[in-house]
């Protein structure tokens, strides 16, 4: 969670640099808007409760980037703060549901958990209200942060694209957010439990742990170590909402005032570029702000009532009819969105498989070219070493050994002339003298 939100923090912290480049701010805001809508559509038809929340997280990150991209740095960070509270509560709630349903994550196999897990139900309900609905009793902290981001996007005129486009994309994403969150709530907690009977052998240990005293086939509430954490997060929803209380009251939000030393100068440098004039399109900007806020409320409630109508108590046959539809448009759209636009498959085809193919190519090149060349060099080296060894052994060592052996043989023969006998020496001397006399007589 820290890693994925670090980008939002980086842009907000480097606000003085981004404020100098309308192009950079446009890229950030547009990427955020497309991410918010793209991930929200994926969350519409997911059945894994954790996947719904995971893609919801990606979508909410998109709203944060819209905020910091249009220059509403405090609003982007404020949404990061509110999201940390309600999304942590939602994920812990989903973990509690998964644990209570004996590690089942498919919402189609849940239902009716409101009576089995009342504490999890209430905390999940508060979190769903926080992310989606109108500011009822100030429990919808996400409404204040998201609505401020959308308003700043609508009001932005310093980007390379009109601000109302960013607002429209974020507005549609907000409606989808309300629908898929309440869909997860009604599929999980209302109606009858659809989990069936669990395998007694597979869950034999669950009957003896501290997760509850129910039989393994029935859902059960989570232990207090999980419950108190969720309750604490639920209680934090209202204080975090008050930190950024609606600017429509013309009171500077506490969170904006607190961040002013860090982001205030960059925000003020962009303020003169905004469209906040007396009127815009025949309506004052205050009127526009109120109109857009009211539209957000209507849209969020519309998503709530539509999800309630379709999924409450699992009585509406519409989802099954759509799945059984023979329309290529309906089934194609469902397949496309349910399979996450085949992003994973596309990534696997373009990146994973190509990387493996390239790795195999490099492996063969290494084996057949590089290793072959190395082996050839080694063979040449060994051949020259063998030839050099033969020269050294047969010629150099042979010459050295030949001189030594010849000297030794000569020594053996010469030493025979030294007998140690005077008579032999005298014979030798006389013989030598005679030879010299003869030679002298013959030659001279």
Protein backbone atom coordinates (compact mmCIF):
# COMPACT_ATOMS: atom_id res chain seq x y z
CA UNK A 1 0.00 0.00 0.00
CA UNK A 2 2.87 2.35 0.75
CA UNK A 3 4.54 1.56 -2.56
CA UNK A 4 1.57 2.33 -4.78
CA UNK A 5 0.72 5.59 -3.01
CA UNK A 6 4.33 6.76 -3.02
CA UNK A 7 3.80 8.21 -6.50
CA UNK A 8 0.97 10.42 -5.26
CA UNK A 9 3.12 11.62 -2.40
CA UNK A 10 6.04 12.29 -4.76
CA UNK A 11 3.98 14.45 -7.12
CA UNK A 12 2.44 16.38 -4.23
CA UNK A 13 5.81 16.88 -2.53
CA UNK A 14 7.39 18.07 -5.79
CA UNK A 15 4.48 20.40 -6.49
CA UNK A 16 6.79 23.35 -7.16
CA UNK A 17 8.26 21.46 -10.14
CA UNK A 18 5.03 20.11 -11.59
CA UNK A 19 3.39 23.54 -11.34
CA UNK A 20 5.97 24.81 -13.85
CA UNK A 21 4.89 22.33 -16.55
CA UNK A 22 1.30 22.21 -17.82
CA UNK A 23 2.34 19.23 -19.95
CA UNK A 24 3.53 17.21 -16.95
CA UNK A 25 0.40 18.09 -14.97
CA UNK A 26 -1.80 17.12 -17.92
CA UNK A 27 -0.07 13.75 -18.24
CA UNK A 28 -0.50 13.06 -14.52
CA UNK A 29 -4.15 14.13 -14.44
CA UNK A 30 -5.11 12.33 -17.66
CA UNK A 31 -3.37 9.13 -16.55
CA UNK A 32 -5.20 9.35 -13.24
CA UNK A 33 -8.58 9.85 -14.92
CA UNK A 34 -8.14 6.93 -17.30
CA UNK A 35 -6.90 4.73 -14.46
CA UNK A 36 -9.89 5.64 -12.28
CA UNK A 37 -12.37 4.70 -15.01
CA UNK A 38 -10.47 1.68 -16.34
CA UNK A 39 -10.07 -0.01 -12.95
CA UNK A 40 -13.64 0.86 -11.92
CA UNK A 41 -15.05 -0.97 -14.93
CA UNK A 42 -12.99 -4.06 -14.10
CA UNK A 43 -14.43 -4.10 -10.58
CA UNK A 44 -17.99 -4.27 -11.89
CA UNK A 45 -18.17 -8.02 -12.55
CA UNK A 46 -15.48 -9.56 -10.38
CA UNK A 47 -16.69 -12.36 -8.09
CA UNK A 48 -13.63 -12.58 -5.85
CA UNK A 49 -14.28 -10.11 -3.02
CA UNK A 50 -10.59 -9.26 -2.76
CA UNK A 51 -10.35 -8.54 -6.49
CA UNK A 52 -13.23 -6.07 -6.22
CA UNK A 53 -11.38 -4.19 -3.52
CA UNK A 54 -8.04 -4.48 -5.31
CA UNK A 55 -9.33 -2.87 -8.49
CA UNK A 56 -11.18 -0.34 -6.37
CA UNK A 57 -7.82 0.60 -4.88
CA UNK A 58 -6.34 1.10 -8.35
CA UNK A 59 -9.33 3.26 -9.27
CA UNK A 60 -9.02 5.41 -6.15
CA UNK A 61 -5.33 5.91 -6.89
CA UNK A 62 -6.49 7.35 -10.19
CA UNK A 63 -8.55 9.97 -8.33
CA UNK A 64 -5.54 10.86 -6.21
CA UNK A 65 -3.50 11.46 -9.35
CA UNK A 66 -6.30 13.59 -10.81
CA UNK A 67 -6.08 15.74 -7.69
CA UNK A 68 -2.32 16.25 -7.72
CA UNK A 69 -2.37 16.51 -11.52
CA UNK A 70 -4.76 19.47 -11.63
CA UNK A 71 -2.92 21.25 -8.82
CA UNK A 72 -5.29 20.34 -5.96
CA UNK A 73 -2.40 18.84 -4.06
CA UNK A 74 -4.05 18.95 -0.66
CA UNK A 75 -7.19 17.27 -2.05
CA UNK A 76 -5.13 14.46 -3.60
CA UNK A 77 -3.31 13.81 -0.33
CA UNK A 78 -6.58 14.12 1.59
CA UNK A 79 -8.12 11.41 -0.59
CA UNK A 80 -5.03 9.31 0.09
CA UNK A 81 -5.71 9.74 3.82
CA UNK A 82 -9.43 8.96 3.66
CA UNK A 83 -8.77 6.02 1.35
CA UNK A 84 -6.26 4.62 3.81
CA UNK A 85 -9.01 4.48 6.43
CA UNK A 86 -11.97 3.10 4.54
CA UNK A 87 -9.99 0.80 2.24
CA UNK A 88 -8.08 -0.71 5.16
CA UNK A 89 -11.46 -1.27 6.80
CA UNK A 90 -12.82 -2.87 3.62
CA UNK A 91 -9.84 -5.17 3.19
CA UNK A 92 -9.97 -6.24 6.83
CA UNK A 93 -13.70 -6.75 6.40
CA UNK A 94 -13.12 -8.95 3.36
CA UNK A 95 -10.47 -10.86 5.31
CA UNK A 96 -12.96 -11.39 8.09
CA UNK A 97 -15.54 -12.63 5.58
CA UNK A 98 -13.04 -15.00 3.98
CA UNK A 99 -12.04 -16.35 7.37
CA UNK A 100 -15.64 -16.68 8.50
CA UNK A 101 -16.56 -18.53 5.30
CA UNK A 102 -13.64 -20.93 5.73
CA UNK A 103 -11.36 -19.31 3.15
CA UNK A 104 -14.02 -18.89 0.50
CA UNK A 105 -13.50 -15.73 -1.62
CA UNK A 106 -16.24 -16.09 -4.25
CA UNK A 107 -19.14 -13.78 -3.39
CA UNK A 108 -21.51 -16.06 -5.29
CA UNK A 109 -20.95 -18.61 -2.52
CA UNK A 110 -21.62 -16.17 0.30
CA UNK A 111 -24.80 -14.27 1.12
CA UNK A 112 -26.76 -13.83 4.36
CA UNK A 113 -23.62 -13.08 6.38
CA UNK A 114 -25.37 -10.19 8.10
CA UNK A 115 -26.89 -12.60 10.61
CA UNK A 116 -23.77 -14.78 10.94
CA UNK A 117 -21.22 -11.96 11.18
CA UNK A 118 -23.00 -8.84 12.47
CA UNK A 119 -19.89 -6.97 13.56
CA UNK A 120 -18.19 -7.53 10.22
CA UNK A 121 -21.40 -6.50 8.50
CA UNK A 122 -21.67 -3.13 10.25
CA UNK A 123 -18.03 -2.18 9.78
CA UNK A 124 -18.13 -3.19 6.09
CA UNK A 125 -21.33 -1.18 5.68
CA UNK A 126 -19.71 1.94 7.16
CA UNK A 127 -16.71 1.51 4.88
CA UNK A 128 -18.95 1.12 1.82
CA UNK A 129 -20.79 4.29 2.81
CA UNK A 130 -17.48 6.08 3.28
CA UNK A 131 -16.26 5.34 -0.24
CA UNK A 132 -19.51 5.81 -2.14
CA UNK A 133 -22.51 7.64 -0.79
CA UNK A 134 -23.49 11.17 0.06
CA UNK A 135 -22.21 12.75 3.30
CA UNK A 136 -24.74 11.05 5.57
CA UNK A 137 -23.86 11.89 9.17
CA UNK A 138 -20.31 12.66 7.97
CA UNK A 139 -19.51 8.96 7.62
CA UNK A 140 -18.66 9.39 3.95
CA UNK A 141 -15.18 10.83 4.23
CA UNK A 142 -14.37 9.63 0.73
CA UNK A 143 -17.17 11.82 -0.62
CA UNK A 144 -15.54 15.03 0.58
CA UNK A 145 -12.10 14.20 -0.79
CA UNK A 146 -13.34 12.79 -4.10
CA UNK A 147 -15.84 15.58 -4.68
CA UNK A 148 -13.18 18.23 -4.02
CA UNK A 149 -10.90 16.52 -6.58
CA UNK A 150 -13.66 16.42 -9.19
CA UNK A 151 -14.50 20.07 -8.62
CA UNK A 152 -10.87 21.15 -8.95
CA UNK A 153 -10.63 19.10 -12.14
CA UNK A 154 -13.72 20.82 -13.57
CA UNK A 155 -12.34 24.22 -12.57
CA UNK A 156 -8.85 23.64 -14.04
CA UNK A 157 -7.96 25.68 -17.14
CA UNK A 158 -4.15 25.48 -17.02
CA UNK A 159 -3.95 22.01 -18.58
CA UNK A 160 -3.62 21.00 -22.21
CA UNK A 161 -7.10 19.43 -22.14
CA UNK A 162 -10.37 20.93 -20.86
CA UNK A 163 -10.96 20.32 -17.18
CA UNK A 164 -14.54 19.21 -17.74
CA UNK A 165 -13.26 16.10 -19.59
CA UNK A 166 -11.33 15.01 -16.51
CA UNK A 167 -14.39 15.75 -14.38
CA UNK A 168 -16.65 13.70 -16.66
CA UNK A 169 -14.35 10.66 -16.64
CA UNK A 170 -14.00 10.86 -12.86
CA UNK A 171 -17.75 11.42 -12.47
CA UNK A 172 -18.58 8.25 -14.41
CA UNK A 173 -15.96 6.34 -12.43
CA UNK A 174 -17.57 7.54 -9.19
CA UNK A 175 -20.91 6.11 -10.31
CA UNK A 176 -19.30 2.78 -11.12
CA UNK A 177 -17.55 2.83 -7.74
CA UNK A 178 -20.88 3.16 -5.97
CA UNK A 179 -22.35 0.30 -7.99
CA UNK A 180 -19.57 -2.27 -7.54
CA UNK A 181 -19.11 -1.50 -3.84
CA UNK A 182 -22.79 -1.93 -3.03
CA UNK A 183 -22.85 -4.98 -5.30
CA UNK A 184 -20.14 -6.53 -3.10
CA UNK A 185 -22.10 -5.59 0.01
CA UNK A 186 -25.45 -7.05 -1.11
CA UNK A 187 -23.93 -10.22 -2.61
CA UNK A 188 -22.03 -10.86 0.61
CA UNK A 189 -24.32 -9.87 3.45
CA UNK A 190 -27.94 -10.14 2.24
CA UNK A 191 -30.17 -13.03 1.25
CA UNK A 192 -29.48 -16.63 2.22
CA UNK A 193 -26.10 -18.21 2.73
CA UNK A 194 -25.09 -19.93 -0.50
CA UNK A 195 -21.90 -21.57 0.74
CA UNK A 196 -23.40 -25.05 1.22
CA UNK A 197 -21.73 -27.59 3.48
CA UNK A 198 -17.98 -27.51 3.88
CA UNK A 199 -15.89 -30.65 3.83
CA UNK A 200 -15.70 -31.79 7.43
CA UNK A 201 -12.29 -33.32 6.94
CA UNK A 202 -10.87 -30.27 5.20
CA UNK A 203 -12.01 -28.03 8.03
CA UNK A 204 -11.63 -30.33 11.00
CA UNK A 205 -9.09 -28.01 12.57
CA UNK A 206 -11.35 -24.99 12.14
CA UNK A 207 -13.76 -26.47 14.64
CA UNK A 208 -11.12 -26.37 17.34
CA UNK A 209 -9.49 -22.99 16.70
CA UNK A 210 -10.41 -19.67 18.31
CA UNK A 211 -12.29 -18.34 15.29
CA UNK A 212 -15.62 -19.23 16.81
CA UNK A 213 -17.62 -22.10 18.10
CA UNK A 214 -19.72 -22.78 15.00
CA UNK A 215 -19.46 -25.90 12.97
CA UNK A 216 -17.07 -25.68 10.06
CA UNK A 217 -19.93 -25.59 7.52
CA UNK A 218 -21.48 -22.41 8.94
CA UNK A 219 -19.97 -18.91 8.71
CA UNK A 220 -18.76 -17.44 11.98
CA UNK A 221 -17.64 -14.08 13.29
CA UNK A 222 -13.95 -13.26 13.47
CA UNK A 223 -12.07 -13.07 16.78
CA UNK A 224 -11.85 -9.86 18.78
CA UNK A 225 -8.30 -9.23 17.65
CA UNK A 226 -9.75 -8.50 14.21
CA UNK A 227 -13.00 -6.93 15.34
CA UNK A 228 -11.49 -4.17 17.47
CA UNK A 229 -9.19 -3.09 14.66
CA UNK A 230 -12.16 -2.75 12.30
CA UNK A 231 -14.17 -0.86 14.92
CA UNK A 232 -11.26 1.54 15.43
CA UNK A 233 -11.01 2.20 11.70
CA UNK A 234 -14.77 2.70 11.47
CA UNK A 235 -14.57 5.29 14.26
CA UNK A 236 -11.80 7.11 12.36
CA UNK A 237 -14.07 7.74 9.36
CA UNK A 238 -15.81 10.73 10.92
CA UNK A 239 -12.69 12.55 12.24
CA UNK A 240 -10.97 12.20 8.86
CA UNK A 241 -14.09 13.58 7.17
CA UNK A 242 -13.98 16.64 9.44
CA UNK A 243 -10.36 17.31 8.43
CA UNK A 244 -11.50 18.17 4.93
CA UNK A 245 -15.04 19.27 5.65
CA UNK A 246 -16.91 20.55 2.65
CA UNK A 247 -15.37 23.74 1.21
CA UNK A 248 -18.88 24.71 0.12
CA UNK A 249 -19.26 26.08 3.65
CA UNK A 250 -16.59 28.64 2.66
CA UNK A 251 -14.38 27.56 5.53
CA UNK A 252 -10.84 26.54 4.76
CA UNK A 253 -10.56 22.81 5.51
CA UNK A 254 -8.23 21.95 8.36
CA UNK A 255 -6.24 19.58 6.18
CA UNK A 256 -5.72 22.21 3.48
CA UNK A 257 -4.59 24.72 6.09
CA UNK A 258 -2.17 22.17 7.57
CA UNK A 259 -0.60 21.41 4.16
CA UNK A 260 -0.48 25.06 3.07
CA UNK A 261 3.22 25.55 3.96
CA UNK A 262 4.09 22.66 1.63
CA UNK A 263 1.67 23.02 -1.30
CA UNK A 264 0.20 26.48 -0.83
CA UNK A 265 2.59 28.46 -3.00
CA UNK A 266 2.26 26.12 -5.99
CA UNK A 267 -1.53 26.07 -5.64
CA UNK A 268 -1.65 29.86 -5.48
CA UNK A 269 0.52 30.15 -8.59
CA UNK A 270 -2.10 28.14 -10.47
CA UNK A 271 -5.11 29.89 -8.96
CA UNK A 272 -5.06 32.83 -11.38
CA UNK A 273 -5.40 30.36 -14.27
CA UNK A 274 -8.63 28.84 -12.96
CA UNK A 275 -12.05 29.65 -14.37
CA UNK A 276 -13.38 30.97 -11.09
CA UNK A 277 -14.96 34.12 -12.45
CA UNK A 278 -18.30 35.57 -11.55
CA UNK A 279 -20.16 33.41 -14.04
CA UNK A 280 -19.32 30.50 -16.29
CA UNK A 281 -21.78 29.30 -18.88
CA UNK A 282 -24.45 31.52 -17.41
CA UNK A 283 -24.06 30.12 -13.90
CA UNK A 284 -21.86 31.38 -11.09
CA UNK A 285 -18.94 29.20 -10.10
CA UNK A 286 -20.45 28.75 -6.65
CA UNK A 287 -23.58 27.55 -8.38
CA UNK A 288 -21.54 25.19 -10.55
CA UNK A 289 -19.80 23.78 -7.51
CA UNK A 290 -23.08 23.12 -5.76
CA UNK A 291 -24.61 21.66 -8.92
CA UNK A 292 -21.71 19.26 -9.45
CA UNK A 293 -21.75 18.24 -5.78
CA UNK A 294 -25.48 17.54 -6.00
CA UNK A 295 -24.86 15.55 -9.19
CA UNK A 296 -22.28 13.46 -7.35
CA UNK A 297 -24.80 12.76 -4.60
CA UNK A 298 -27.47 11.75 -7.11
CA UNK A 299 -25.01 9.56 -9.01
CA UNK A 300 -23.77 7.81 -5.86
CA UNK A 301 -27.32 7.16 -4.70
CA UNK A 302 -28.23 5.99 -8.19
CA UNK A 303 -25.42 3.43 -8.09
CA UNK A 304 -26.58 2.38 -4.63
CA UNK A 305 -30.22 1.86 -5.59
CA UNK A 306 -29.37 0.11 -8.83
CA UNK A 307 -27.02 -2.32 -7.07
CA UNK A 308 -29.65 -2.82 -4.37
CA UNK A 309 -32.30 -3.60 -6.98
CA UNK A 310 -30.10 -6.05 -8.87
CA UNK A 311 -28.29 -7.88 -6.05
CA UNK A 312 -30.24 -7.53 -2.79
CA UNK A 313 -31.11 -10.99 -1.47
CA UNK A 314 -30.03 -12.47 -4.84
CA UNK A 315 -33.66 -12.42 -6.01
CA UNK A 316 -33.33 -10.43 -9.22
CA UNK A 317 -32.92 -12.73 -12.25
CA UNK A 318 -31.26 -9.98 -14.30
CA UNK A 319 -27.62 -11.09 -13.68
CA UNK A 320 -28.41 -14.68 -14.67
CA UNK A 321 -30.31 -13.51 -17.75
CA UNK A 322 -27.40 -11.36 -18.84
CA UNK A 323 -24.99 -14.25 -18.38
CA UNK A 324 -27.32 -16.52 -20.35
CA UNK A 325 -27.84 -13.94 -23.08
CA UNK A 326 -27.08 -14.95 -26.64
CA UNK A 327 -26.28 -11.40 -27.64
CA UNK A 328 -22.70 -11.19 -28.85
CA UNK A 329 -22.53 -7.60 -27.62
CA UNK A 330 -23.59 -8.50 -24.06
CA UNK A 331 -21.49 -11.65 -23.73
CA UNK A 332 -18.53 -10.01 -25.45
CA UNK A 333 -18.64 -6.96 -23.19
CA UNK A 334 -18.98 -9.16 -20.12
CA UNK A 335 -16.08 -11.40 -21.17
CA UNK A 336 -13.93 -8.39 -21.94
CA UNK A 337 -14.54 -6.67 -18.59
CA UNK A 338 -14.59 -9.84 -16.47
CA UNK A 339 -11.24 -10.88 -17.92
CA UNK A 340 -9.82 -7.43 -17.12
CA UNK A 341 -9.63 -6.46 -20.79
CA UNK A 342 -7.22 -9.37 -21.16
CA UNK A 343 -4.43 -7.20 -19.83
CA UNK A 344 -2.88 -10.16 -18.04
CA UNK A 345 -3.06 -12.27 -21.19
CA UNK A 346 -1.68 -9.44 -23.29
CA UNK A 347 1.13 -8.93 -20.81
CA UNK A 348 1.81 -12.65 -20.80
CA UNK A 349 1.89 -12.73 -24.61
CA UNK A 350 3.90 -9.56 -25.22
CA UNK A 351 6.22 -9.58 -22.22
CA UNK A 352 6.40 -12.94 -20.48
CA UNK A 353 6.42 -15.20 -23.54
CA UNK A 354 8.61 -12.86 -25.56
CA UNK A 355 11.02 -12.62 -22.64
CA UNK A 356 11.15 -16.39 -22.38
CA UNK A 357 11.66 -16.75 -26.14
CA UNK A 358 14.43 -14.16 -26.02
CA UNK A 359 15.96 -15.98 -23.06
CA UNK A 360 15.89 -19.26 -25.00
CA UNK A 361 17.46 -17.52 -28.00
CA UNK A 362 20.22 -16.08 -25.85
CA UNK A 363 20.70 -19.49 -24.23
CA UNK A 364 21.15 -21.14 -27.60
CA UNK A 365 23.46 -18.35 -28.74
CA UNK A 366 25.45 -18.80 -25.54
CA UNK A 367 25.61 -22.56 -25.97
CA UNK A 368 26.25 -22.71 -29.70
CA UNK A 369 28.23 -19.55 -30.37
CA UNK A 370 29.85 -18.15 -27.27
CA UNK A 371 30.54 -21.51 -25.62
CA UNK A 372 31.62 -22.98 -28.99
CA UNK A 373 34.02 -20.09 -29.52
CA UNK A 374 35.36 -20.47 -25.99
CA UNK A 375 35.78 -24.21 -26.53
CA UNK A 376 37.54 -23.55 -29.86
CA UNK A 377 39.91 -21.09 -28.21
CA UNK A 378 40.56 -23.66 -25.50
CA UNK A 379 41.21 -26.34 -28.12
CA UNK A 380 43.66 -24.09 -29.96
CA UNK A 381 45.32 -23.28 -26.66
CA UNK A 382 45.61 -26.93 -25.76
CA UNK A 383 47.00 -27.77 -29.24
CA UNK A 384 49.66 -25.08 -29.03
CA UNK A 385 50.44 -26.13 -25.49
CA UNK A 386 50.89 -29.75 -26.62
CA UNK A 387 53.12 -28.71 -29.56
CA UNK A 388 55.10 -26.40 -27.29
CA UNK A 389 55.43 -29.23 -24.79
CA UNK A 390 56.80 -31.54 -27.50
CA UNK A 391 59.32 -28.90 -28.60
CA UNK A 392 60.34 -28.38 -25.02
CA UNK A 393 60.59 -32.11 -24.35
CA UNK A 394 62.17 -33.31 -27.59
CA UNK A 395 64.33 -30.37 -28.66
CA UNK A 396 65.11 -28.11 -25.76
CA UNK A 397 65.21 -30.80 -23.10
CA UNK A 398 66.79 -33.24 -25.65
CA UNK A 399 69.61 -30.79 -26.45
CA UNK A 400 70.26 -30.05 -22.82
CA UNK A 401 70.15 -33.73 -21.91
CA UNK A 402 72.34 -34.61 -24.97
CA UNK A 403 75.07 -32.19 -23.92
CA UNK A 404 74.92 -33.52 -20.39
CA UNK A 405 74.99 -37.15 -21.53
CA UNK A 406 77.88 -36.48 -23.99
CA UNK A 407 79.90 -34.73 -21.35
CA UNK A 408 79.28 -37.55 -18.94
CA UNK A 409 80.31 -40.18 -21.56
CA UNK A 410 83.44 -38.24 -22.47
CA UNK A 411 84.26 -37.98 -18.81
CA UNK A 412 83.88 -41.71 -18.41
CA UNK A 413 86.33 -42.33 -21.26
CA UNK A 414 88.83 -39.64 -20.30
CA UNK A 415 89.04 -40.77 -16.72
CA UNK A 416 90.48 -44.08 -17.88
CA UNK A 417 93.68 -42.28 -18.78
CA UNK A 418 94.22 -41.48 -15.18
CA UNK A 419 95.22 -44.84 -13.69
CA UNK A 420 97.38 -43.52 -10.88
CA UNK A 421 100.36 -45.64 -12.00
CA UNK A 422 103.70 -43.94 -12.78
CA UNK A 423 104.68 -46.63 -15.27
CA UNK A 424 101.55 -45.93 -17.34
CA UNK A 425 102.23 -42.21 -17.30
CA UNK A 426 105.88 -42.83 -18.41
CA UNK A 427 104.70 -45.05 -21.25
CA UNK A 428 102.32 -42.33 -22.25
CA UNK A 429 104.98 -39.65 -22.16
CA UNK A 430 107.48 -41.76 -24.12
CA UNK A 431 104.80 -42.65 -26.63
CA UNK A 432 103.89 -39.01 -27.03
CA UNK A 433 107.49 -37.96 -27.51
CA UNK A 434 107.95 -40.63 -30.15
CA UNK A 435 104.83 -39.45 -31.94
CA UNK A 436 106.10 -35.89 -31.92
CA UNK A 437 109.52 -36.94 -33.24
CA UNK A 438 107.93 -38.90 -36.06
CA UNK A 439 105.60 -36.06 -36.95
CA UNK A 440 108.49 -33.59 -36.89
CA UNK A 441 110.62 -35.89 -39.07
CA UNK A 442 107.83 -36.47 -41.55
CA UNK A 443 106.64 -32.93 -41.83
CA UNK A 444 109.86 -31.06 -41.57
